[in-house]
PDB file of N, CA and C in Angstrom:
ATOM      1  N   MET A   1     -70.139  30.055 105.310  1.00  0.00           N
ATOM      2  CA  MET A   1     -69.015  30.488 106.255  1.00  0.00           C
ATOM      3  C   MET A   1     -69.380  31.870 107.077  1.00  0.00           C
ATOM      4  N   GLN A   2     -69.217  31.629 108.392  1.00  0.00           N
ATOM      5  CA  GLN A   2     -69.631  32.671 109.224  1.00  0.00           C
ATOM      6  C   GLN A   2     -68.395  33.391 109.800  1.00  0.00           C
ATOM      7  N   PHE A   3     -68.433  34.622 109.879  1.00  0.00           N
ATOM      8  CA  PHE A   3     -67.148  35.548 110.369  1.00  0.00           C
ATOM      9  C   PHE A   3     -67.434  35.506 111.908  1.00  0.00           C
ATOM     10  N   PRO A   4     -66.376  35.540 112.690  1.00  0.00           N
ATOM     11  CA  PRO A   4     -66.440  35.728 114.001  1.00  0.00           C
ATOM     12  C   PRO A   4     -67.180  36.972 114.389  1.00  0.00           C
ATOM     13  N   THR A   5     -67.804  37.083 115.362  1.00  0.00           N
ATOM     14  CA  THR A   5     -68.533  38.318 115.798  1.00  0.00           C
ATOM     15  C   THR A   5     -68.069  38.680 117.194  1.00  0.00           C
ATOM     16  N   GLY A   6     -68.391  39.758 117.777  1.00  0.00           N
ATOM     17  CA  GLY A   6     -67.951  40.282 118.995  1.00  0.00           C
ATOM     18  C   GLY A   6     -66.587  40.373 119.354  1.00  0.00           C
ATOM     19  N   ASN A   7     -66.129  39.811 120.629  1.00  0.00           N
ATOM     20  CA  ASN A   7     -64.751  39.964 120.882  1.00  0.00           C
ATOM     21  C   ASN A   7     -63.719  39.136 120.059  1.00  0.00           C
ATOM     22  N   ALA A   8     -64.275  37.994 119.551  1.00  0.00           N
ATOM     23  CA  ALA A   8     -63.375  37.256 118.625  1.00  0.00           C
ATOM     24  C   ALA A   8     -63.191  37.786 117.388  1.00  0.00           C
ATOM     25  N   GLY A   9     -64.168  38.476 116.808  1.00  0.00           N
ATOM     26  CA  GLY A   9     -63.862  39.258 115.549  1.00  0.00           C
ATOM     27  C   GLY A   9     -63.000  40.413 115.695  1.00  0.00           C
ATOM     28  N   LEU A  10     -63.111  41.096 116.840  1.00  0.00           N
ATOM     29  CA  LEU A  10     -62.343  42.379 117.195  1.00  0.00           C
ATOM     30  C   LEU A  10     -60.765  41.756 117.258  1.00  0.00           C
ATOM     31  N   SER A  11     -60.507  40.683 117.937  1.00  0.00           N
ATOM     32  CA  SER A  11     -59.158  40.108 118.202  1.00  0.00           C
ATOM     33  C   SER A  11     -58.675  39.700 116.911  1.00  0.00           C
ATOM     34  N   LEU A  12     -59.368  39.105 116.071  1.00  0.00           N
ATOM     35  CA  LEU A  12     -58.905  38.680 114.781  1.00  0.00           C
ATOM     36  C   LEU A  12     -58.457  39.847 113.961  1.00  0.00           C
ATOM     37  N   ALA A  13     -59.331  40.891 113.957  1.00  0.00           N
ATOM     38  CA  ALA A  13     -59.099  42.064 113.119  1.00  0.00           C
ATOM     39  C   ALA A  13     -57.688  42.677 113.615  1.00  0.00           C
ATOM     40  N   PHE A  14     -57.609  42.749 114.890  1.00  0.00           N
ATOM     41  CA  PHE A  14     -56.517  43.290 115.557  1.00  0.00           C
ATOM     42  C   PHE A  14     -55.208  42.546 115.261  1.00  0.00           C
ATOM     43  N   LEU A  15     -55.234  41.178 115.256  1.00  0.00           N
ATOM     44  CA  LEU A  15     -54.168  40.454 114.762  1.00  0.00           C
ATOM     45  C   LEU A  15     -53.750  40.606 113.298  1.00  0.00           C
ATOM     46  N   ILE A  16     -54.760  40.767 112.472  1.00  0.00           N
ATOM     47  CA  ILE A  16     -54.664  40.967 111.132  1.00  0.00           C
ATOM     48  C   ILE A  16     -53.984  42.327 110.728  1.00  0.00           C
ATOM     49  N   ILE A  17     -54.292  43.356 111.551  1.00  0.00           N
ATOM     50  CA  ILE A  17     -53.748  44.682 111.260  1.00  0.00           C
ATOM     51  C   ILE A  17     -52.260  44.680 111.801  1.00  0.00           C
ATOM     52  N   VAL A  18     -51.973  44.264 113.015  1.00  0.00           N
ATOM     53  CA  VAL A  18     -50.751  44.120 113.419  1.00  0.00           C
ATOM     54  C   VAL A  18     -49.741  43.355 112.549  1.00  0.00           C
ATOM     55  N   GLY A  19     -50.172  42.273 111.961  1.00  0.00           N
ATOM     56  CA  GLY A  19     -49.434  41.498 111.093  1.00  0.00           C
ATOM     57  C   GLY A  19     -49.079  42.248 109.763  1.00  0.00           C
ATOM     58  N   VAL A  20     -49.986  42.825 109.195  1.00  0.00           N
ATOM     59  CA  VAL A  20     -49.988  43.662 108.104  1.00  0.00           C
ATOM     60  C   VAL A  20     -48.908  44.855 108.239  1.00  0.00           C
ATOM     61  N   VAL A  21     -48.845  45.441 109.389  1.00  0.00           N
ATOM     62  CA  VAL A  21     -48.022  46.487 109.810  1.00  0.00           C
ATOM     63  C   VAL A  21     -46.541  46.038 110.152  1.00  0.00           C
ATOM     64  N   MET A  22     -46.597  44.943 110.880  1.00  0.00           N
ATOM     65  CA  MET A  22     -45.094  44.227 111.275  1.00  0.00           C
ATOM     66  C   MET A  22     -44.450  43.551 110.197  1.00  0.00           C
ATOM     67  N   LEU A  23     -45.165  42.872 109.375  1.00  0.00           N
ATOM     68  CA  LEU A  23     -44.435  42.024 108.366  1.00  0.00           C
ATOM     69  C   LEU A  23     -43.592  42.729 107.503  1.00  0.00           C
ATOM     70  N   PRO A  24     -43.823  43.849 106.930  1.00  0.00           N
ATOM     71  CA  PRO A  24     -42.938  44.722 106.006  1.00  0.00           C
ATOM     72  C   PRO A  24     -41.703  45.024 106.748  1.00  0.00           C
ATOM     73  N   LEU A  25     -41.728  45.386 108.269  1.00  0.00           N
ATOM     74  CA  LEU A  25     -40.641  45.618 108.960  1.00  0.00           C
ATOM     75  C   LEU A  25     -39.797  44.500 109.562  1.00  0.00           C
ATOM     76  N   LEU A  26     -40.147  43.365 109.300  1.00  0.00           N
ATOM     77  CA  LEU A  26     -39.489  42.274 109.694  1.00  0.00           C
ATOM     78  C   LEU A  26     -37.971  42.282 109.467  1.00  0.00           C
ATOM     79  N   PRO A  27     -37.411  42.647 108.262  1.00  0.00           N
ATOM     80  CA  PRO A  27     -35.872  42.503 108.113  1.00  0.00           C
ATOM     81  C   PRO A  27     -35.260  43.724 109.089  1.00  0.00           C
ATOM     82  N   THR A  28     -35.950  44.716 109.307  1.00  0.00           N
ATOM     83  CA  THR A  28     -35.343  45.631 110.346  1.00  0.00           C
ATOM     84  C   THR A  28     -35.463  45.097 111.661  1.00  0.00           C
ATOM     85  N   TRP A  29     -36.366  44.416 112.106  1.00  0.00           N
ATOM     86  CA  TRP A  29     -36.356  43.863 113.365  1.00  0.00           C
ATOM     87  C   TRP A  29     -35.440  42.790 113.572  1.00  0.00           C
ATOM     88  N   ILE A  30     -34.932  42.046 112.629  1.00  0.00           N
ATOM     89  CA  ILE A  30     -33.986  40.938 112.567  1.00  0.00           C
ATOM     90  C   ILE A  30     -32.830  41.756 112.721  1.00  0.00           C
ATOM     91  N   ALA A  31     -32.515  42.780 111.871  1.00  0.00           N
ATOM     92  CA  ALA A  31     -31.291  43.315 111.754  1.00  0.00           C
ATOM     93  C   ALA A  31     -30.961  44.089 113.462  1.00  0.00           C
ATOM     94  N   VAL A  32     -31.991  44.628 113.899  1.00  0.00           N
ATOM     95  CA  VAL A  32     -31.785  45.019 115.288  1.00  0.00           C
ATOM     96  C   VAL A  32     -31.630  43.940 116.376  1.00  0.00           C
ATOM     97  N   ILE A  33     -32.460  42.940 116.173  1.00  0.00           N
ATOM     98  CA  ILE A  33     -32.135  41.802 117.276  1.00  0.00           C
ATOM     99  C   ILE A  33     -30.835  41.143 116.991  1.00  0.00           C
ATOM    100  N   ARG A  34     -30.238  41.032 115.643  1.00  0.00           N
ATOM    101  CA  ARG A  34     -29.030  40.522 115.556  1.00  0.00           C
ATOM    102  C   ARG A  34     -27.804  41.520 115.918  1.00  0.00           C
ATOM    103  N   GLY A  35     -28.122  42.700 116.041  1.00  0.00           N
ATOM    104  CA  GLY A  35     -27.170  43.817 116.331  1.00  0.00           C
ATOM    105  C   GLY A  35     -26.188  43.947 115.072  1.00  0.00           C
ATOM    106  N   ALA A  36     -26.939  44.160 114.062  1.00  0.00           N
ATOM    107  CA  ALA A  36     -26.152  44.280 112.710  1.00  0.00           C
ATOM    108  C   ALA A  36     -25.332  45.656 112.700  1.00  0.00           C
ATOM    109  N   GLU A  37     -24.301  45.724 112.072  1.00  0.00           N
ATOM    110  CA  GLU A  37     -23.738  46.977 111.834  1.00  0.00           C
ATOM    111  C   GLU A  37     -24.304  48.171 111.263  1.00  0.00           C
ATOM    112  N   ALA A  38     -25.089  47.926 110.121  1.00  0.00           N
ATOM    113  CA  ALA A  38     -25.609  48.950 109.238  1.00  0.00           C
ATOM    114  C   ALA A  38     -27.275  48.711 109.383  1.00  0.00           C
ATOM    115  N   ILE A  39     -27.660  48.869 110.634  1.00  0.00           N
ATOM    116  CA  ILE A  39     -29.235  48.840 110.839  1.00  0.00           C
ATOM    117  C   ILE A  39     -29.960  50.018 110.047  1.00  0.00           C
ATOM    118  N   SER A  40     -29.305  51.066 109.873  1.00  0.00           N
ATOM    119  CA  SER A  40     -30.015  52.144 109.183  1.00  0.00           C
ATOM    120  C   SER A  40     -30.080  51.884 107.734  1.00  0.00           C
ATOM    121  N   PHE A  41     -28.901  51.127 107.108  1.00  0.00           N
ATOM    122  CA  PHE A  41     -29.055  50.878 105.766  1.00  0.00           C
ATOM    123  C   PHE A  41     -30.091  49.890 105.447  1.00  0.00           C
ATOM    124  N   VAL A  42     -30.217  48.847 106.415  1.00  0.00           N
ATOM    125  CA  VAL A  42     -31.325  47.934 106.374  1.00  0.00           C
ATOM    126  C   VAL A  42     -32.699  48.661 106.243  1.00  0.00           C
ATOM    127  N   LEU A  43     -32.712  49.331 107.215  1.00  0.00           N
ATOM    128  CA  LEU A  43     -34.208  50.283 107.361  1.00  0.00           C
ATOM    129  C   LEU A  43     -34.374  51.118 106.077  1.00  0.00           C
ATOM    130  N   LEU A  44     -33.346  51.745 105.547  1.00  0.00           N
ATOM    131  CA  LEU A  44     -33.662  52.584 104.444  1.00  0.00           C
ATOM    132  C   LEU A  44     -34.046  51.742 103.173  1.00  0.00           C
ATOM    133  N   ILE A  45     -33.307  50.555 102.976  1.00  0.00           N
ATOM    134  CA  ILE A  45     -33.762  49.595 101.965  1.00  0.00           C
ATOM    135  C   ILE A  45     -35.171  49.186 102.163  1.00  0.00           C
ATOM    136  N   ASN A  46     -35.498  48.777 103.362  1.00  0.00           N
ATOM    137  CA  ASN A  46     -36.865  48.223 103.711  1.00  0.00           C
ATOM    138  C   ASN A  46     -37.838  49.282 103.604  1.00  0.00           C
ATOM    139  N   ILE A  47     -37.659  50.489 103.857  1.00  0.00           N
ATOM    140  CA  ILE A  47     -38.550  51.652 103.717  1.00  0.00           C
ATOM    141  C   ILE A  47     -38.902  51.930 102.204  1.00  0.00           C
ATOM    142  N   PHE A  48     -37.794  52.392 101.590  1.00  0.00           N
ATOM    143  CA  PHE A  48     -37.825  52.735 100.188  1.00  0.00           C
ATOM    144  C   PHE A  48     -38.074  51.680  99.017  1.00  0.00           C
ATOM    145  N   CYS A  49     -37.819  50.362  99.441  1.00  0.00           N
ATOM    146  CA  CYS A  49     -37.819  49.415  98.381  1.00  0.00           C
ATOM    147  C   CYS A  49     -38.942  48.302  98.824  1.00  0.00           C
ATOM    148  N   CYS A  50     -39.649  48.363  99.882  1.00  0.00           N
ATOM    149  CA  CYS A  50     -40.597  47.366 100.466  1.00  0.00           C
ATOM    150  C   CYS A  50     -41.631  47.223  99.576  1.00  0.00           C
ATOM    151  N   ALA A  51     -42.157  48.312  98.706  1.00  0.00           N
ATOM    152  CA  ALA A  51     -43.277  48.256  97.965  1.00  0.00           C
ATOM    153  C   ALA A  51     -43.084  47.365  96.658  1.00  0.00           C
ATOM    154  N   THR A  52     -41.683  47.166  96.327  1.00  0.00           N
ATOM    155  CA  THR A  52     -41.432  46.478  95.079  1.00  0.00           C
ATOM    156  C   THR A  52     -41.374  44.896  95.455  1.00  0.00           C
ATOM    157  N   VAL A  53     -41.472  44.082  94.637  1.00  0.00           N
ATOM    158  CA  VAL A  53     -41.359  42.621  94.932  1.00  0.00           C
ATOM    159  C   VAL A  53     -40.037  42.170  95.283  1.00  0.00           C
ATOM    160  N   LEU A  54     -38.863  43.086  94.793  1.00  0.00           N
ATOM    161  CA  LEU A  54     -37.509  42.673  95.086  1.00  0.00           C
ATOM    162  C   LEU A  54     -37.097  43.291  96.360  1.00  0.00           C
ATOM    163  N   GLY A  55     -37.652  44.390  96.780  1.00  0.00           N
ATOM    164  CA  GLY A  55     -36.920  45.134  97.906  1.00  0.00           C
ATOM    165  C   GLY A  55     -37.093  44.426  99.115  1.00  0.00           C
ATOM    166  N   TRP A  56     -38.207  43.753  99.378  1.00  0.00           N
ATOM    167  CA  TRP A  56     -38.343  43.111 100.718  1.00  0.00           C
ATOM    168  C   TRP A  56     -37.363  42.052 100.883  1.00  0.00           C
ATOM    169  N   PRO A  57     -37.109  40.986  99.958  1.00  0.00           N
ATOM    170  CA  PRO A  57     -36.166  40.108 100.099  1.00  0.00           C
ATOM    171  C   PRO A  57     -34.742  40.535 100.144  1.00  0.00           C
ATOM    172  N   ILE A  58     -34.579  41.605  99.498  1.00  0.00           N
ATOM    173  CA  ILE A  58     -33.211  42.185  99.546  1.00  0.00           C
ATOM    174  C   ILE A  58     -32.890  42.711 101.030  1.00  0.00           C
ATOM    175  N   ALA A  59     -33.707  43.357 101.559  1.00  0.00           N
ATOM    176  CA  ALA A  59     -33.628  43.862 102.998  1.00  0.00           C
ATOM    177  C   ALA A  59     -33.530  42.613 103.894  1.00  0.00           C
ATOM    178  N   LEU A  60     -34.259  41.580 103.572  1.00  0.00           N
ATOM    179  CA  LEU A  60     -34.321  40.433 104.506  1.00  0.00           C
ATOM    180  C   LEU A  60     -32.769  39.668 104.436  1.00  0.00           C
ATOM    181  N   VAL A  61     -32.377  39.570 103.238  1.00  0.00           N
ATOM    182  CA  VAL A  61     -31.063  38.990 103.204  1.00  0.00           C
ATOM    183  C   VAL A  61     -30.032  40.017 103.682  1.00  0.00           C
ATOM    184  N   LEU A  62     -30.063  41.179 103.506  1.00  0.00           N
ATOM    185  CA  LEU A  62     -29.251  42.232 104.289  1.00  0.00           C
ATOM    186  C   LEU A  62     -29.268  41.913 105.777  1.00  0.00           C
ATOM    187  N   ALA A  63     -30.372  41.882 106.282  1.00  0.00           N
ATOM    188  CA  ALA A  63     -30.528  41.742 107.753  1.00  0.00           C
ATOM    189  C   ALA A  63     -29.730  40.537 108.299  1.00  0.00           C
ATOM    190  N   PHE A  64     -29.746  39.329 107.597  1.00  0.00           N
ATOM    191  CA  PHE A  64     -29.094  38.291 107.862  1.00  0.00           C
ATOM    192  C   PHE A  64     -27.724  38.205 107.661  1.00  0.00           C
ATOM    193  N   LYS A  65     -27.208  38.830 106.565  1.00  0.00           N
ATOM    194  CA  LYS A  65     -25.935  38.849 106.021  1.00  0.00           C
ATOM    195  C   LYS A  65     -25.049  39.862 106.661  1.00  0.00           C
ATOM    196  N   MET A  66     -25.559  41.088 107.082  1.00  0.00           N
ATOM    197  CA  MET A  66     -24.612  42.143 107.598  1.00  0.00           C
ATOM    198  C   MET A  66     -23.834  41.634 108.774  1.00  0.00           C
ATOM    199  N   PRO A  67     -22.610  42.052 109.073  1.00  0.00           N
ATOM    200  CA  PRO A  67     -21.858  41.435 110.117  1.00  0.00           C
ATOM    201  C   PRO A  67     -22.363  42.213 111.330  1.00  0.00           C
ATOM    202  N   ARG A  68     -22.295  41.398 112.541  1.00  0.00           N
ATOM    203  CA  ARG A  68     -22.732  41.954 113.814  1.00  0.00           C
ATOM    204  C   ARG A  68     -21.689  42.978 114.381  1.00  0.00           C
ATOM    205  N   ARG A  69     -22.271  43.825 115.150  1.00  0.00           N
ATOM    206  CA  ARG A  69     -21.384  44.770 115.873  1.00  0.00           C
ATOM    207  C   ARG A  69     -20.719  44.083 117.106  1.00  0.00           C
ATOM    208  N   SER A  70     -19.519  44.320 117.284  1.00  0.00           N
ATOM    209  CA  SER A  70     -18.826  43.712 118.453  1.00  0.00           C
ATOM    210  C   SER A  70     -18.906  44.675 119.558  1.00  0.00           C
ATOM    211  N   GLU A  71     -19.699  44.415 120.538  1.00  0.00           N
ATOM    212  CA  GLU A  71     -19.737  45.331 121.765  1.00  0.00           C
ATOM    213  C   GLU A  71     -18.598  45.329 122.481  1.00  0.00           C
ATOM    214  N   PHE A  72     -17.873  44.210 122.660  1.00  0.00           N
ATOM    215  CA  PHE A  72     -16.665  44.175 123.363  1.00  0.00           C
ATOM    216  C   PHE A  72     -15.445  43.972 122.666  1.00  0.00           C
ATOM    217  N   GLN A  73     -14.683  44.800 122.439  1.00  0.00           N
ATOM    218  CA  GLN A  73     -13.260  44.736 121.612  1.00  0.00           C
ATOM    219  C   GLN A  73     -12.159  44.304 122.648  1.00  0.00           C
ATOM    220  N   MET A  74     -11.630  43.366 122.165  1.00  0.00           N
ATOM    221  CA  MET A  74     -10.304  42.911 122.972  1.00  0.00           C
ATOM    222  C   MET A  74      -9.205  43.966 122.728  1.00  0.00           C
ATOM    223  N   PRO A  75      -8.547  44.331 123.773  1.00  0.00           N
ATOM    224  CA  PRO A  75      -7.344  45.239 123.421  1.00  0.00           C
ATOM    225  C   PRO A  75      -6.193  44.582 122.779  1.00  0.00           C
ATOM    226  N   PRO A  76      -5.447  45.338 122.064  1.00  0.00           N
ATOM    227  CA  PRO A  76      -4.238  44.710 121.491  1.00  0.00           C
ATOM    228  C   PRO A  76      -3.350  44.000 122.228  1.00  0.00           C
ATOM    229  N   PRO A  77      -2.660  43.024 122.051  1.00  0.00           N
ATOM    230  CA  PRO A  77      -1.680  42.404 122.993  1.00  0.00           C
ATOM    231  C   PRO A  77      -0.429  43.347 123.062  1.00  0.00           C
ATOM    232  N   PRO A  78       0.192  43.292 124.203  1.00  0.00           N
ATOM    233  CA  PRO A  78       1.205  44.412 124.471  1.00  0.00           C
ATOM    234  C   PRO A  78       2.416  44.133 123.734  1.00  0.00           C
TER     235      PRO A  78
END
């Protein structure tokens, strides 16, 4: 098996590095995109517990289960 050389090898290495860096932060990105209420809580769980086997799935579940922030709140009826 031959490994890619030149620009193809550099591109593959770059994609692997970006994937290794971004994958652990996936729960935080999901919480940000969804507009979850407690993004900082998901981020803290993600940062401090990501090294454990259970921390990353917990942060992922929190990212999906946290209620969304409502940007526009309806005024109460008169």
